[in-house]
Structures are given as structure tokens and as C-alpha cells.
Amino acid sequence: MPKAAVIGAGTMGHGIAELFAIAGYEVALVDVAEEYLKRALQNVEWSLKKFAEKGQIKEDVQTILSRIKPVVNDVCRAVEGVEIMVEAVVEDIEVKKKVFSEADRCAPPNAILATNTSSLPITEIAEAVKPERRPLVVGMHFFNPPPLMPLVEIIKGKYTSDETVKKVAEYAARLGKQTVVVNKDVPGFIVNRIFARVNEAACWMVARGEATIQEVDSALIYKAGLPMGAFILMDFTGIDVVCFIGDAMLRRGFKSHPC
């Protein structure tokens, strides 16, 4: 059975692990405490049951769930024998670098090391691994919630090889995703650069008293055809996460007028 590792069992991490498990991979899912992993597996089970009710998975829930192996705080053990690792920890460059350095030490030499970062530079993260591994470091940015959202951004850092991009596109296709390749490692990549402008305009309209939160979100849903309004999406993502992303983009040269 092919093996993958997902580091971080939060909303994004457990959703990504679920996708790999559905696709037939044995997945090591890592987090710092057993209680987080327990909660993650409960969430995956709930999600799989929903898919089963709609007839959207071929195997039974327990078979798929049994492929996800919880690992407490041990990146090294999780990446043994994997083809690909996807990191989905907090948006903090130092924490991510630590994960990549550890994974580089213990993963097979040809394993791809991907990050689900939504704003931090792939190039900076790649500098935490040995020079010979850097061509295998890539951005693989899923959207929330990963089992439902069809898009994956594949981001090339300064060192990422074309072969790595091609392989990650193949992995994403196996997970049933559509991909867009971001050829330049710019702050926020494609989607978050667009969302930053939408969120900023939405926030200023409310701040200036031109519209209410409900009016802005209603216009975005019923007139612009978006699945969620800007404020609903910010709540769903987490205001703290939106702030982390915005700050990281600003520090790296994204021009913004924060509301």
C-alpha cells in the first residue's frame, strides 16, 4: 500500500489525511497530543459517513478510517517509507522549518515534501532542508474543507523542479482535485491575493457605513455567485488565521490597506 504522511491534524490536516485514505494510501497523521488526534479521527469518521450516505465512496467507512495511523509528536517516524509528506501545521515559518528539517532527515531520499501554507514562501521553507532535497519541496495548498473544495494550488519555489510539480499534480488528480500551478513564489499565491482584495473592500464598505455585513455577504452570494460571503468565509477560516495570512503577506511586500 502506498504511504503518505500529514503533519498537523487540525481542520486542514485531517481533511487532507482523509483524502489520501480515500485514495487508498496508508496515512500517518501527526499532532502534538493524543487528544487532537482523537478529535481529528472523529471528524474524519463523521465526514466519511456523510460521503457514504450520498454514495460517494466505494469502500466502507471503517476500512478507509483504518488506513489513517495516528502518530503523537514524531515527524521522523511518520515519514519513514512515504512517497509524499504534506505539512499542515500553524502558519509560523519557524515551526514549518522545524517540521521540514526533521522530515528531510528521516524521509526516503526521493520523497516529496509539500507544505499546505496559504501565505508563507516555499523558497524560505525549502531552505530548512539539505540542498539536494530542495527540488522536492513544493507548495500543495488545499482549501477549507479539503474533502469538499475542488481546488489545489501547486506552488513552485526557487528550487522546486518541474518533475516535482508534475508529480504533485498527479497526486492531486488521484485525490480528485483540480490544480492551478503558481509559477512564481509570490505572497498569498493566487487565491489569497484575490481574497485579500475582496475581504478588504468588504470590510471597508461596512467600516464606512455604506452597507451592513449581511448586505455585503448577500451581494457576494446572490449577485456575484460566490458560495460564501466574505465575512462568512473569514469566520469559517478563523479570524486569527486570516490575520496570520494578511500579516505574512504584508511583511513580504504585498501592498495592502488593512481595515
C-alpha atoms as a PDB file:
ATOM      1  CA  MET A   1       0.000   0.000   0.000  1.00  0.00           C
ATOM      2  CA  PRO A   2       1.448   3.447  -0.899  1.00  0.00           C
ATOM      3  CA  LYS A   3       2.265   5.644   2.095  1.00  0.00           C
ATOM      4  CA  ALA A   4       1.806   9.336   2.833  1.00  0.00           C
ATOM      5  CA  ALA A   5       2.268  11.479   5.937  1.00  0.00           C
ATOM      6  CA  VAL A   6       0.265  14.521   7.015  1.00  0.00           C
ATOM      7  CA  ILE A   7       1.805  16.693   9.720  1.00  0.00           C
ATOM      8  CA  GLY A   8      -0.803  18.609  11.723  1.00  0.00           C
ATOM      9  CA  ALA A   9      -4.272  17.201  12.450  1.00  0.00           C
ATOM     10  CA  GLY A  10      -6.280  20.434  12.543  1.00  0.00           C
ATOM     11  CA  THR A  11      -9.109  21.293  10.117  1.00  0.00           C
ATOM     12  CA  MET A  12      -6.827  21.213   7.084  1.00  0.00           C
ATOM     13  CA  GLY A  13      -4.611  18.318   8.170  1.00  0.00           C
ATOM     14  CA  HIS A  14      -7.319  15.797   8.985  1.00  0.00           C
ATOM     15  CA  GLY A  15      -9.170  16.728   5.778  1.00  0.00           C
ATOM     16  CA  ILE A  16      -6.031  16.102   3.691  1.00  0.00           C
ATOM     17  CA  ALA A  17      -5.403  12.796   5.511  1.00  0.00           C
ATOM     18  CA  GLU A  18      -8.992  11.771   4.741  1.00  0.00           C
ATOM     19  CA  LEU A  19      -8.459  12.432   1.015  1.00  0.00           C
ATOM     20  CA  PHE A  20      -5.294  10.298   0.908  1.00  0.00           C
ATOM     21  CA  ALA A  21      -7.043   7.491   2.841  1.00  0.00           C
ATOM     22  CA  ILE A  22      -9.997   7.516   0.404  1.00  0.00           C
ATOM     23  CA  ALA A  23      -7.480   7.305  -2.462  1.00  0.00           C
ATOM     24  CA  GLY A  24      -6.010   4.094  -0.958  1.00  0.00           C
ATOM     25  CA  TYR A  25      -2.954   5.432   0.889  1.00  0.00           C
ATOM     26  CA  GLU A  26      -1.826   4.444   4.342  1.00  0.00           C
ATOM     27  CA  VAL A  27      -1.542   7.817   6.081  1.00  0.00           C
ATOM     28  CA  ALA A  28       0.499   8.676   9.164  1.00  0.00           C
ATOM     29  CA  LEU A  29      -1.276  11.652  10.794  1.00  0.00           C
ATOM     30  CA  VAL A  30       0.853  13.582  13.279  1.00  0.00           C
ATOM     31  CA  ASP A  31      -0.037  16.055  16.016  1.00  0.00           C
ATOM     32  CA  VAL A  32       1.458  17.106  19.323  1.00  0.00           C
ATOM     33  CA  ALA A  33      -1.121  15.448  21.600  1.00  0.00           C
ATOM     34  CA  GLU A  34      -3.280  12.333  21.553  1.00  0.00           C
ATOM     35  CA  GLU A  35      -6.471  14.319  22.242  1.00  0.00           C
ATOM     36  CA  TYR A  36      -6.016  16.315  18.995  1.00  0.00           C
ATOM     37  CA  LEU A  37      -5.557  13.111  17.012  1.00  0.00           C
ATOM     38  CA  LYS A  38      -8.608  11.527  18.634  1.00  0.00           C
ATOM     39  CA  ARG A  39     -10.729  14.546  17.711  1.00  0.00           C
ATOM     40  CA  ALA A  40      -9.300  14.531  14.175  1.00  0.00           C
ATOM     41  CA  LEU A  41     -10.251  10.866  13.650  1.00  0.00           C
ATOM     42  CA  GLN A  42     -13.774  11.534  14.961  1.00  0.00           C
ATOM     43  CA  ASN A  43     -14.102  14.376  12.442  1.00  0.00           C
ATOM     44  CA  VAL A  44     -12.829  12.170   9.601  1.00  0.00           C
ATOM     45  CA  GLU A  45     -15.292   9.423  10.565  1.00  0.00           C
ATOM     46  CA  TRP A  46     -18.181  11.928  10.574  1.00  0.00           C
ATOM     47  CA  SER A  47     -17.143  13.217   7.131  1.00  0.00           C
ATOM     48  CA  LEU A  48     -16.760   9.711   5.676  1.00  0.00           C
ATOM     49  CA  LYS A  49     -20.236   8.770   6.947  1.00  0.00           C
ATOM     50  CA  LYS A  50     -21.645  11.786   5.088  1.00  0.00           C
ATOM     51  CA  PHE A  51     -19.904  10.646   1.881  1.00  0.00           C
ATOM     52  CA  ALA A  52     -21.203   7.092   2.442  1.00  0.00           C
ATOM     53  CA  GLU A  53     -24.785   8.342   2.856  1.00  0.00           C
ATOM     54  CA  LYS A  54     -24.505  10.072  -0.526  1.00  0.00           C
ATOM     55  CA  GLY A  55     -22.886   7.018  -2.143  1.00  0.00           C
ATOM     56  CA  GLN A  56     -19.686   8.994  -2.856  1.00  0.00           C
ATOM     57  CA  ILE A  57     -17.156   6.457  -1.523  1.00  0.00           C
ATOM     58  CA  LYS A  58     -16.541   2.936  -2.837  1.00  0.00           C
ATOM     59  CA  GLU A  59     -15.383   1.294   0.416  1.00  0.00           C
ATOM     60  CA  ASP A  60     -16.945   1.190   3.858  1.00  0.00           C
ATOM     61  CA  VAL A  61     -16.117   3.913   6.380  1.00  0.00           C
ATOM     62  CA  GLN A  62     -14.101   1.732   8.798  1.00  0.00           C
ATOM     63  CA  THR A  63     -11.892   0.325   6.003  1.00  0.00           C
ATOM     64  CA  ILE A  64     -10.905   3.844   4.917  1.00  0.00           C
ATOM     65  CA  LEU A  65     -10.547   5.083   8.512  1.00  0.00           C
ATOM     66  CA  SER A  66      -8.263   2.151   9.398  1.00  0.00           C
ATOM     67  CA  ARG A  67      -5.679   3.460   6.898  1.00  0.00           C
ATOM     68  CA  ILE A  68      -5.087   6.594   8.990  1.00  0.00           C
ATOM     69  CA  LYS A  69      -2.439   5.863  11.624  1.00  0.00           C
ATOM     70  CA  PRO A  70      -2.224   8.474  14.412  1.00  0.00           C
ATOM     71  CA  VAL A  71       1.323   9.399  15.482  1.00  0.00           C
ATOM     72  CA  VAL A  72       1.969  11.572  18.550  1.00  0.00           C
ATOM     73  CA  ASN A  73       4.632  14.231  18.040  1.00  0.00           C
ATOM     74  CA  ASP A  74       7.068  12.169  15.939  1.00  0.00           C
ATOM     75  CA  VAL A  75       7.608  13.512  12.414  1.00  0.00           C
ATOM     76  CA  CYS A  76      10.597  11.212  11.924  1.00  0.00           C
ATOM     77  CA  ARG A  77       8.589   8.023  12.486  1.00  0.00           C
ATOM     78  CA  ALA A  78       5.666   9.314  10.392  1.00  0.00           C
ATOM     79  CA  VAL A  79       7.722   9.949   7.236  1.00  0.00           C
ATOM     80  CA  GLU A  80       9.505   6.569   7.143  1.00  0.00           C
ATOM     81  CA  GLY A  81       8.816   4.931   3.773  1.00  0.00           C
ATOM     82  CA  VAL A  82       6.479   7.679   2.473  1.00  0.00           C
ATOM     83  CA  GLU A  83       6.143   8.871  -1.130  1.00  0.00           C
ATOM     84  CA  ILE A  84       4.861  12.281  -0.036  1.00  0.00           C
ATOM     85  CA  MET A  85       4.506  14.358   3.117  1.00  0.00           C
ATOM     86  CA  VAL A  86       2.039  17.240   3.387  1.00  0.00           C
ATOM     87  CA  GLU A  87       2.696  19.662   6.241  1.00  0.00           C
ATOM     88  CA  ALA A  88      -0.367  21.473   7.637  1.00  0.00           C
ATOM     89  CA  VAL A  89       0.828  22.983  10.933  1.00  0.00           C
ATOM     90  CA  VAL A  90       0.305  26.559  12.203  1.00  0.00           C
ATOM     91  CA  GLU A  91       1.236  29.449   9.835  1.00  0.00           C
ATOM     92  CA  ASP A  92       4.581  30.096  11.512  1.00  0.00           C
ATOM     93  CA  ILE A  93       7.705  29.865   9.369  1.00  0.00           C
ATOM     94  CA  GLU A  94       9.923  28.618  12.226  1.00  0.00           C
ATOM     95  CA  VAL A  95       7.510  25.796  13.156  1.00  0.00           C
ATOM     96  CA  LYS A  96       7.258  24.758   9.498  1.00  0.00           C
ATOM     97  CA  LYS A  97      11.044  24.819   9.034  1.00  0.00           C
ATOM     98  CA  LYS A  98      11.448  22.559  12.052  1.00  0.00           C
ATOM     99  CA  VAL A  99       8.999  20.032  10.535  1.00  0.00           C
ATOM    100  CA  PHE A 100      10.798  20.114   7.172  1.00  0.00           C
ATOM    101  CA  SER A 101      14.242  19.731   8.717  1.00  0.00           C
ATOM    102  CA  GLU A 102      13.054  16.661  10.668  1.00  0.00           C
ATOM    103  CA  ALA A 103      11.247  15.181   7.635  1.00  0.00           C
ATOM    104  CA  ASP A 104      14.322  15.709   5.459  1.00  0.00           C
ATOM    105  CA  ARG A 105      16.409  13.712   7.954  1.00  0.00           C
ATOM    106  CA  CYS A 106      14.067  10.696   8.039  1.00  0.00           C
ATOM    107  CA  ALA A 107      12.068  10.512   4.775  1.00  0.00           C
ATOM    108  CA  PRO A 108      13.242   8.420   1.793  1.00  0.00           C
ATOM    109  CA  PRO A 109      15.583  10.457  -0.453  1.00  0.00           C
ATOM    110  CA  ASN A 110      13.032  10.647  -3.294  1.00  0.00           C
ATOM    111  CA  ALA A 111      10.026  11.603  -1.092  1.00  0.00           C
ATOM    112  CA  ILE A 112       8.260  14.857  -1.948  1.00  0.00           C
ATOM    113  CA  LEU A 113       7.932  17.294   0.960  1.00  0.00           C
ATOM    114  CA  ALA A 114       4.912  19.562   0.404  1.00  0.00           C
ATOM    115  CA  THR A 115       3.536  22.412   2.506  1.00  0.00           C
ATOM    116  CA  ASN A 116      -0.102  23.435   2.733  1.00  0.00           C
ATOM    117  CA  THR A 117       0.893  27.004   3.662  1.00  0.00           C
ATOM    118  CA  SER A 118      -1.503  29.634   2.381  1.00  0.00           C
ATOM    119  CA  SER A 119       0.926  32.563   2.501  1.00  0.00           C
ATOM    120  CA  LEU A 120       4.500  31.690   3.502  1.00  0.00           C
ATOM    121  CA  PRO A 121       7.219  31.433   0.827  1.00  0.00           C
ATOM    122  CA  ILE A 122       8.034  27.926  -0.388  1.00  0.00           C
ATOM    123  CA  THR A 123      11.622  29.064  -1.019  1.00  0.00           C
ATOM    124  CA  GLU A 124      12.134  30.023   2.649  1.00  0.00           C
ATOM    125  CA  ILE A 125      10.664  26.714   3.842  1.00  0.00           C
ATOM    126  CA  ALA A 126      12.878  24.762   1.388  1.00  0.00           C
ATOM    127  CA  GLU A 127      15.990  26.323   2.929  1.00  0.00           C
ATOM    128  CA  ALA A 128      15.373  24.194   6.042  1.00  0.00           C
ATOM    129  CA  VAL A 129      16.298  21.021   4.110  1.00  0.00           C
ATOM    130  CA  LYS A 130      19.577  19.804   2.602  1.00  0.00           C
ATOM    131  CA  PRO A 131      20.390  21.337  -0.826  1.00  0.00           C
ATOM    132  CA  GLU A 132      19.898  18.003  -2.642  1.00  0.00           C
ATOM    133  CA  ARG A 133      16.304  17.719  -1.306  1.00  0.00           C
ATOM    134  CA  ARG A 134      15.229  21.275  -2.225  1.00  0.00           C
ATOM    135  CA  PRO A 135      13.977  20.368  -5.730  1.00  0.00           C
ATOM    136  CA  LEU A 136      11.423  18.093  -3.960  1.00  0.00           C
ATOM    137  CA  VAL A 137       9.983  20.875  -1.756  1.00  0.00           C
ATOM    138  CA  VAL A 138       6.742  22.341  -3.122  1.00  0.00           C
ATOM    139  CA  GLY A 139       3.557  24.131  -2.112  1.00  0.00           C
ATOM    140  CA  MET A 140       0.396  21.996  -2.175  1.00  0.00           C
ATOM    141  CA  HIS A 141      -2.281  24.382  -0.950  1.00  0.00           C
ATOM    142  CA  PHE A 142      -5.697  22.846  -0.267  1.00  0.00           C
ATOM    143  CA  PHE A 143      -8.779  24.883   0.622  1.00  0.00           C
ATOM    144  CA  ASN A 144     -11.090  24.556   3.592  1.00  0.00           C
ATOM    145  CA  PRO A 145     -12.650  21.984   3.943  1.00  0.00           C
ATOM    146  CA  PRO A 146     -10.246  19.864   1.830  1.00  0.00           C
ATOM    147  CA  PRO A 147     -12.634  16.930   1.190  1.00  0.00           C
ATOM    148  CA  LEU A 148     -15.182  19.279  -0.447  1.00  0.00           C
ATOM    149  CA  MET A 149     -13.190  22.093  -2.075  1.00  0.00           C
ATOM    150  CA  PRO A 150     -12.087  21.091  -5.594  1.00  0.00           C
ATOM    151  CA  LEU A 151      -9.007  23.327  -5.970  1.00  0.00           C
ATOM    152  CA  VAL A 152      -5.347  22.728  -5.082  1.00  0.00           C
ATOM    153  CA  GLU A 153      -2.713  25.393  -5.761  1.00  0.00           C
ATOM    154  CA  ILE A 154       0.702  23.912  -6.629  1.00  0.00           C
ATOM    155  CA  ILE A 155       3.395  26.474  -5.880  1.00  0.00           C
ATOM    156  CA  LYS A 156       6.923  26.423  -7.268  1.00  0.00           C
ATOM    157  CA  GLY A 157       9.628  27.801  -5.019  1.00  0.00           C
ATOM    158  CA  LYS A 158      13.028  28.912  -6.307  1.00  0.00           C
ATOM    159  CA  TYR A 159      14.367  25.341  -6.055  1.00  0.00           C
ATOM    160  CA  THR A 160      11.268  23.266  -6.982  1.00  0.00           C
ATOM    161  CA  SER A 161      11.792  21.040 -10.026  1.00  0.00           C
ATOM    162  CA  ASP A 162       9.293  20.731 -12.896  1.00  0.00           C
ATOM    163  CA  GLU A 163       9.241  16.969 -12.211  1.00  0.00           C
ATOM    164  CA  THR A 164       8.058  17.614  -8.631  1.00  0.00           C
ATOM    165  CA  VAL A 165       5.271  19.912  -9.883  1.00  0.00           C
ATOM    166  CA  LYS A 166       4.194  17.227 -12.383  1.00  0.00           C
ATOM    167  CA  LYS A 167       4.141  14.515  -9.677  1.00  0.00           C
ATOM    168  CA  VAL A 168       2.163  16.690  -7.244  1.00  0.00           C
ATOM    169  CA  ALA A 169      -0.398  17.400  -9.997  1.00  0.00           C
ATOM    170  CA  GLU A 170      -0.729  13.602 -10.405  1.00  0.00           C
ATOM    171  CA  TYR A 171      -1.228  13.150  -6.636  1.00  0.00           C
ATOM    172  CA  ALA A 172      -3.866  15.900  -6.625  1.00  0.00           C
ATOM    173  CA  ALA A 173      -5.680  14.228  -9.559  1.00  0.00           C
ATOM    174  CA  ARG A 174      -5.702  10.932  -7.627  1.00  0.00           C
ATOM    175  CA  LEU A 175      -7.344  12.807  -4.748  1.00  0.00           C
ATOM    176  CA  GLY A 176      -9.997  14.079  -7.181  1.00  0.00           C
ATOM    177  CA  LYS A 177      -8.748  17.671  -7.246  1.00  0.00           C
ATOM    178  CA  GLN A 178      -8.329  20.333  -9.931  1.00  0.00           C
ATOM    179  CA  THR A 179      -4.984  22.135  -9.901  1.00  0.00           C
ATOM    180  CA  VAL A 180      -3.571  25.513 -10.771  1.00  0.00           C
ATOM    181  CA  VAL A 181       0.227  25.905 -10.929  1.00  0.00           C
ATOM    182  CA  VAL A 182       1.681  29.071  -9.391  1.00  0.00           C
ATOM    183  CA  ASN A 183       4.990  29.573 -11.186  1.00  0.00           C
ATOM    184  CA  LYS A 184       6.200  32.452  -9.009  1.00  0.00           C
ATOM    185  CA  ASP A 185       6.506  32.221  -5.224  1.00  0.00           C
ATOM    186  CA  VAL A 186       4.581  35.465  -4.547  1.00  0.00           C
ATOM    187  CA  PRO A 187       2.956  36.318  -1.179  1.00  0.00           C
ATOM    188  CA  GLY A 188      -0.515  34.759  -0.963  1.00  0.00           C
ATOM    189  CA  PHE A 189      -0.102  32.853  -4.259  1.00  0.00           C
ATOM    190  CA  ILE A 190      -3.228  33.328  -6.457  1.00  0.00           C
ATOM    191  CA  VAL A 191      -6.373  32.706  -4.426  1.00  0.00           C
ATOM    192  CA  ASN A 192      -5.419  34.573  -1.253  1.00  0.00           C
ATOM    193  CA  ARG A 193      -4.267  37.606  -3.261  1.00  0.00           C
ATOM    194  CA  ILE A 194      -7.783  37.768  -4.734  1.00  0.00           C
ATOM    195  CA  PHE A 195      -9.474  37.106  -1.374  1.00  0.00           C
ATOM    196  CA  ALA A 196      -7.345  39.810   0.273  1.00  0.00           C
ATOM    197  CA  ARG A 197      -8.850  42.404  -2.089  1.00  0.00           C
ATOM    198  CA  VAL A 198     -12.413  41.092  -1.682  1.00  0.00           C
ATOM    199  CA  ASN A 199     -12.090  40.991   2.134  1.00  0.00           C
ATOM    200  CA  GLU A 200     -10.521  44.453   2.265  1.00  0.00           C
ATOM    201  CA  ALA A 201     -13.266  46.020   0.104  1.00  0.00           C
ATOM    202  CA  ALA A 202     -15.985  44.217   2.080  1.00  0.00           C
ATOM    203  CA  CYS A 203     -14.564  45.343   5.415  1.00  0.00           C
ATOM    204  CA  TRP A 204     -14.143  48.992   4.358  1.00  0.00           C
ATOM    205  CA  MET A 205     -17.721  49.169   2.990  1.00  0.00           C
ATOM    206  CA  VAL A 206     -19.006  48.144   6.432  1.00  0.00           C
ATOM    207  CA  ALA A 207     -16.498  50.358   8.308  1.00  0.00           C
ATOM    208  CA  ARG A 208     -17.591  53.405   6.252  1.00  0.00           C
ATOM    209  CA  GLY A 209     -21.268  52.620   6.873  1.00  0.00           C
ATOM    210  CA  GLU A 210     -22.017  52.006   3.169  1.00  0.00           C
ATOM    211  CA  ALA A 211     -23.540  48.566   3.821  1.00  0.00           C
ATOM    212  CA  THR A 212     -24.103  46.066   6.615  1.00  0.00           C
ATOM    213  CA  ILE A 213     -22.201  42.786   6.934  1.00  0.00           C
ATOM    214  CA  GLN A 214     -25.370  40.938   5.848  1.00  0.00           C
ATOM    215  CA  GLU A 215     -25.811  43.153   2.775  1.00  0.00           C
ATOM    216  CA  VAL A 216     -22.200  42.674   1.654  1.00  0.00           C
ATOM    217  CA  ASP A 217     -22.337  38.892   2.096  1.00  0.00           C
ATOM    218  CA  SER A 218     -25.749  38.670   0.411  1.00  0.00           C
ATOM    219  CA  ALA A 219     -24.438  40.601  -2.622  1.00  0.00           C
ATOM    220  CA  LEU A 220     -21.385  38.334  -2.882  1.00  0.00           C
ATOM    221  CA  ILE A 221     -23.529  35.186  -2.697  1.00  0.00           C
ATOM    222  CA  TYR A 222     -26.626  36.166  -4.703  1.00  0.00           C
ATOM    223  CA  LYS A 223     -25.170  38.713  -7.159  1.00  0.00           C
ATOM    224  CA  ALA A 224     -21.503  37.682  -7.562  1.00  0.00           C
ATOM    225  CA  GLY A 225     -22.324  33.952  -7.275  1.00  0.00           C
ATOM    226  CA  LEU A 226     -19.701  33.100  -4.650  1.00  0.00           C
ATOM    227  CA  PRO A 227     -20.506  30.059  -2.440  1.00  0.00           C
ATOM    228  CA  MET A 228     -19.875  32.136   0.720  1.00  0.00           C
ATOM    229  CA  GLY A 229     -19.796  35.826   1.554  1.00  0.00           C
ATOM    230  CA  ALA A 230     -16.507  37.468   2.639  1.00  0.00           C
ATOM    231  CA  PHE A 231     -17.483  37.681   6.327  1.00  0.00           C
ATOM    232  CA  ILE A 232     -18.905  34.147   6.477  1.00  0.00           C
ATOM    233  CA  LEU A 233     -15.694  32.855   4.870  1.00  0.00           C
ATOM    234  CA  MET A 234     -13.481  34.796   7.300  1.00  0.00           C
ATOM    235  CA  ASP A 235     -15.464  33.344  10.222  1.00  0.00           C
ATOM    236  CA  PHE A 236     -15.240  29.859   8.724  1.00  0.00           C
ATOM    237  CA  THR A 237     -11.471  30.157   8.127  1.00  0.00           C
ATOM    238  CA  GLY A 238     -10.900  31.751  11.540  1.00  0.00           C
ATOM    239  CA  ILE A 239     -10.209  35.466  12.045  1.00  0.00           C
ATOM    240  CA  ASP A 240      -6.849  34.547  13.631  1.00  0.00           C
ATOM    241  CA  VAL A 241      -5.815  32.588  10.512  1.00  0.00           C
ATOM    242  CA  VAL A 242      -6.956  35.454   8.234  1.00  0.00           C
ATOM    243  CA  CYS A 243      -4.752  37.813  10.317  1.00  0.00           C
ATOM    244  CA  PHE A 244      -1.725  35.450  10.167  1.00  0.00           C
ATOM    245  CA  ILE A 245      -2.066  35.231   6.376  1.00  0.00           C
ATOM    246  CA  GLY A 246      -2.523  39.002   5.968  1.00  0.00           C
ATOM    247  CA  ASP A 247       0.478  39.813   8.193  1.00  0.00           C
ATOM    248  CA  ALA A 248       2.721  37.291   6.415  1.00  0.00           C
ATOM    249  CA  MET A 249       1.750  38.752   3.015  1.00  0.00           C
ATOM    250  CA  LEU A 250       2.291  42.361   4.184  1.00  0.00           C
ATOM    251  CA  ARG A 251       5.743  41.574   5.605  1.00  0.00           C
ATOM    252  CA  ARG A 252       6.758  40.147   2.230  1.00  0.00           C
ATOM    253  CA  GLY A 253       5.791  43.155   0.140  1.00  0.00           C
ATOM    254  CA  PHE A 254       2.050  42.703  -0.615  1.00  0.00           C
ATOM    255  CA  LYS A 255       0.550  46.213  -0.849  1.00  0.00           C
ATOM    256  CA  SER A 256      -2.498  46.460   1.361  1.00  0.00           C
ATOM    257  CA  HIS A 257      -4.757  48.943   3.155  1.00  0.00           C
ATOM    258  CA  PRO A 258      -5.928  46.819   6.125  1.00  0.00           C
ATOM    259  CA  CYS A 259      -9.368  47.616   7.512  1.00  0.00           C
END
